[in-house]
Amino acid sequence: MSYPDMPGYLADLEEVRRIVQLYIEGSNGDVEKLKEAFHPTAYMHGQIEHLGFKSYYPFSNFIEMVA
Protein backbone atom coordinates (compact mmCIF):
# COMPACT_ATOMS: atom_id res chain seq x y z
CA MET A 1 0.00 0.00 0.00
CA SER A 2 1.33 3.41 -0.91
CA TYR A 3 0.45 6.66 0.84
CA PRO A 4 0.96 10.01 -0.89
CA ASP A 5 1.70 11.67 2.46
CA MET A 6 3.73 9.01 4.30
CA PRO A 7 5.30 11.48 6.78
CA GLY A 8 1.83 12.77 7.71
CA TYR A 9 0.49 9.23 8.01
CA LEU A 10 3.35 8.23 10.30
CA ALA A 11 2.89 11.35 12.42
CA ASP A 12 -0.82 10.54 12.81
CA LEU A 13 0.02 6.95 13.75
CA GLU A 14 2.48 8.11 16.38
CA GLU A 15 -0.11 10.51 17.83
CA VAL A 16 -2.64 7.69 18.14
CA ARG A 17 -0.04 5.56 19.93
CA ARG A 18 0.75 8.45 22.27
CA ILE A 19 -2.91 8.96 23.17
CA VAL A 20 -3.48 5.23 23.78
CA GLN A 21 -0.41 5.18 26.04
CA LEU A 22 -1.77 8.17 27.98
CA TYR A 23 -5.04 6.27 28.48
CA ILE A 24 -3.22 3.14 29.70
CA GLU A 25 -0.99 5.03 32.12
CA GLY A 26 -3.84 7.27 33.22
CA SER A 27 -6.11 4.32 33.93
CA ASN A 28 -3.44 3.05 36.30
CA GLY A 29 -3.82 6.14 38.46
CA ASP A 30 -2.28 9.10 36.66
CA VAL A 31 -5.32 11.37 36.37
CA GLU A 32 -3.39 14.13 34.61
CA LYS A 33 -2.58 11.74 31.75
CA LEU A 34 -6.28 10.86 31.43
CA LYS A 35 -7.14 14.53 31.26
CA GLU A 36 -4.56 15.00 28.51
CA ALA A 37 -5.84 12.01 26.53
CA PHE A 38 -9.54 12.96 26.44
CA HIS A 39 -11.56 16.01 25.60
CA PRO A 40 -13.24 17.47 28.73
CA THR A 41 -16.72 16.76 27.32
CA ALA A 42 -15.96 13.19 26.13
CA TYR A 43 -18.40 10.40 26.96
CA MET A 44 -17.62 6.78 27.70
CA HIS A 45 -19.75 3.99 26.28
CA GLY A 46 -19.72 0.41 27.44
CA GLN A 47 -21.68 -2.80 27.44
CA ILE A 48 -21.44 -6.14 29.21
CA GLU A 49 -23.90 -8.08 27.12
CA HIS A 50 -24.33 -11.19 29.26
CA LEU A 51 -25.19 -9.01 32.26
CA GLY A 52 -27.44 -6.69 30.29
CA PHE A 53 -25.33 -3.77 31.46
CA LYS A 54 -24.99 -0.70 29.27
CA SER A 55 -23.37 2.56 30.18
CA TYR A 56 -23.14 6.03 28.76
CA TYR A 57 -21.62 8.64 31.03
CA PRO A 58 -19.23 11.58 30.97
CA PHE A 59 -15.59 10.56 30.90
CA SER A 60 -15.09 12.86 33.86
CA ASN A 61 -16.90 10.19 35.95
CA PHE A 62 -14.19 7.69 35.01
CA ILE A 63 -11.50 10.21 35.94
CA GLU A 64 -13.16 10.65 39.34
CA MET A 65 -13.19 6.86 39.86
CA VAL A 66 -9.49 6.64 39.01
CA ALA A 67 -8.66 9.52 41.36
C-alpha atoms as a PDB file:
ATOM      1  CA  MET A   1       0.000   0.000   0.000  1.00  0.00           C
ATOM      2  CA  SER A   2       1.333   3.409  -0.908  1.00  0.00           C
ATOM      3  CA  TYR A   3       0.449   6.661   0.843  1.00  0.00           C
ATOM      4  CA  PRO A   4       0.963  10.006  -0.893  1.00  0.00           C
ATOM      5  CA  ASP A   5       1.701  11.667   2.455  1.00  0.00           C
ATOM      6  CA  MET A   6       3.733   9.009   4.295  1.00  0.00           C
ATOM      7  CA  PRO A   7       5.301  11.483   6.785  1.00  0.00           C
ATOM      8  CA  GLY A   8       1.829  12.769   7.712  1.00  0.00           C
ATOM      9  CA  TYR A   9       0.490   9.231   8.007  1.00  0.00           C
ATOM     10  CA  LEU A  10       3.353   8.229  10.302  1.00  0.00           C
ATOM     11  CA  ALA A  11       2.893  11.351  12.424  1.00  0.00           C
ATOM     12  CA  ASP A  12      -0.820  10.539  12.815  1.00  0.00           C
ATOM     13  CA  LEU A  13       0.018   6.948  13.747  1.00  0.00           C
ATOM     14  CA  GLU A  14       2.485   8.110  16.376  1.00  0.00           C
ATOM     15  CA  GLU A  15      -0.110  10.510  17.834  1.00  0.00           C
ATOM     16  CA  VAL A  16      -2.642   7.685  18.139  1.00  0.00           C
ATOM     17  CA  ARG A  17      -0.037   5.557  19.929  1.00  0.00           C
ATOM     18  CA  ARG A  18       0.749   8.453  22.271  1.00  0.00           C
ATOM     19  CA  ILE A  19      -2.915   8.958  23.172  1.00  0.00           C
ATOM     20  CA  VAL A  20      -3.475   5.233  23.779  1.00  0.00           C
ATOM     21  CA  GLN A  21      -0.405   5.180  26.039  1.00  0.00           C
ATOM     22  CA  LEU A  22      -1.766   8.172  27.983  1.00  0.00           C
ATOM     23  CA  TYR A  23      -5.041   6.267  28.485  1.00  0.00           C
ATOM     24  CA  ILE A  24      -3.216   3.143  29.701  1.00  0.00           C
ATOM     25  CA  GLU A  25      -0.993   5.031  32.118  1.00  0.00           C
ATOM     26  CA  GLY A  26      -3.842   7.271  33.216  1.00  0.00           C
ATOM     27  CA  SER A  27      -6.107   4.316  33.926  1.00  0.00           C
ATOM     28  CA  ASN A  28      -3.438   3.052  36.302  1.00  0.00           C
ATOM     29  CA  GLY A  29      -3.824   6.136  38.462  1.00  0.00           C
ATOM     30  CA  ASP A  30      -2.278   9.101  36.665  1.00  0.00           C
ATOM     31  CA  VAL A  31      -5.319  11.374  36.366  1.00  0.00           C
ATOM     32  CA  GLU A  32      -3.386  14.128  34.605  1.00  0.00           C
ATOM     33  CA  LYS A  33      -2.582  11.744  31.750  1.00  0.00           C
ATOM     34  CA  LEU A  34      -6.278  10.859  31.435  1.00  0.00           C
ATOM     35  CA  LYS A  35      -7.139  14.535  31.261  1.00  0.00           C
ATOM     36  CA  GLU A  36      -4.559  15.004  28.515  1.00  0.00           C
ATOM     37  CA  ALA A  37      -5.842  12.014  26.534  1.00  0.00           C
ATOM     38  CA  PHE A  38      -9.539  12.956  26.440  1.00  0.00           C
ATOM     39  CA  HIS A  39     -11.557  16.013  25.600  1.00  0.00           C
ATOM     40  CA  PRO A  40     -13.244  17.469  28.730  1.00  0.00           C
ATOM     41  CA  THR A  41     -16.724  16.757  27.318  1.00  0.00           C
ATOM     42  CA  ALA A  42     -15.962  13.192  26.129  1.00  0.00           C
ATOM     43  CA  TYR A  43     -18.404  10.403  26.959  1.00  0.00           C
ATOM     44  CA  MET A  44     -17.623   6.780  27.701  1.00  0.00           C
ATOM     45  CA  HIS A  45     -19.746   3.986  26.280  1.00  0.00           C
ATOM     46  CA  GLY A  46     -19.724   0.406  27.436  1.00  0.00           C
ATOM     47  CA  GLN A  47     -21.676  -2.802  27.435  1.00  0.00           C
ATOM     48  CA  ILE A  48     -21.436  -6.144  29.213  1.00  0.00           C
ATOM     49  CA  GLU A  49     -23.902  -8.077  27.118  1.00  0.00           C
ATOM     50  CA  HIS A  50     -24.326 -11.193  29.255  1.00  0.00           C
ATOM     51  CA  LEU A  51     -25.191  -9.005  32.262  1.00  0.00           C
ATOM     52  CA  GLY A  52     -27.440  -6.691  30.286  1.00  0.00           C
ATOM     53  CA  PHE A  53     -25.334  -3.773  31.464  1.00  0.00           C
ATOM     54  CA  LYS A  54     -24.987  -0.704  29.267  1.00  0.00           C
ATOM     55  CA  SER A  55     -23.367   2.563  30.182  1.00  0.00           C
ATOM     56  CA  TYR A  56     -23.137   6.032  28.757  1.00  0.00           C
ATOM     57  CA  TYR A  57     -21.618   8.636  31.026  1.00  0.00           C
ATOM     58  CA  PRO A  58     -19.228  11.582  30.969  1.00  0.00           C
ATOM     59  CA  PHE A  59     -15.587  10.556  30.899  1.00  0.00           C
ATOM     60  CA  SER A  60     -15.090  12.865  33.861  1.00  0.00           C
ATOM     61  CA  ASN A  61     -16.897  10.192  35.948  1.00  0.00           C
ATOM     62  CA  PHE A  62     -14.186   7.692  35.013  1.00  0.00           C
ATOM     63  CA  ILE A  63     -11.497  10.215  35.944  1.00  0.00           C
ATOM     64  CA  GLU A  64     -13.165  10.647  39.342  1.00  0.00           C
ATOM     65  CA  MET A  65     -13.195   6.862  39.862  1.00  0.00           C
ATOM     66  CA  VAL A  66      -9.486   6.640  39.015  1.00  0.00           C
ATOM     67  CA  ALA A  67      -8.660   9.517  41.358  1.00  0.00           C
END
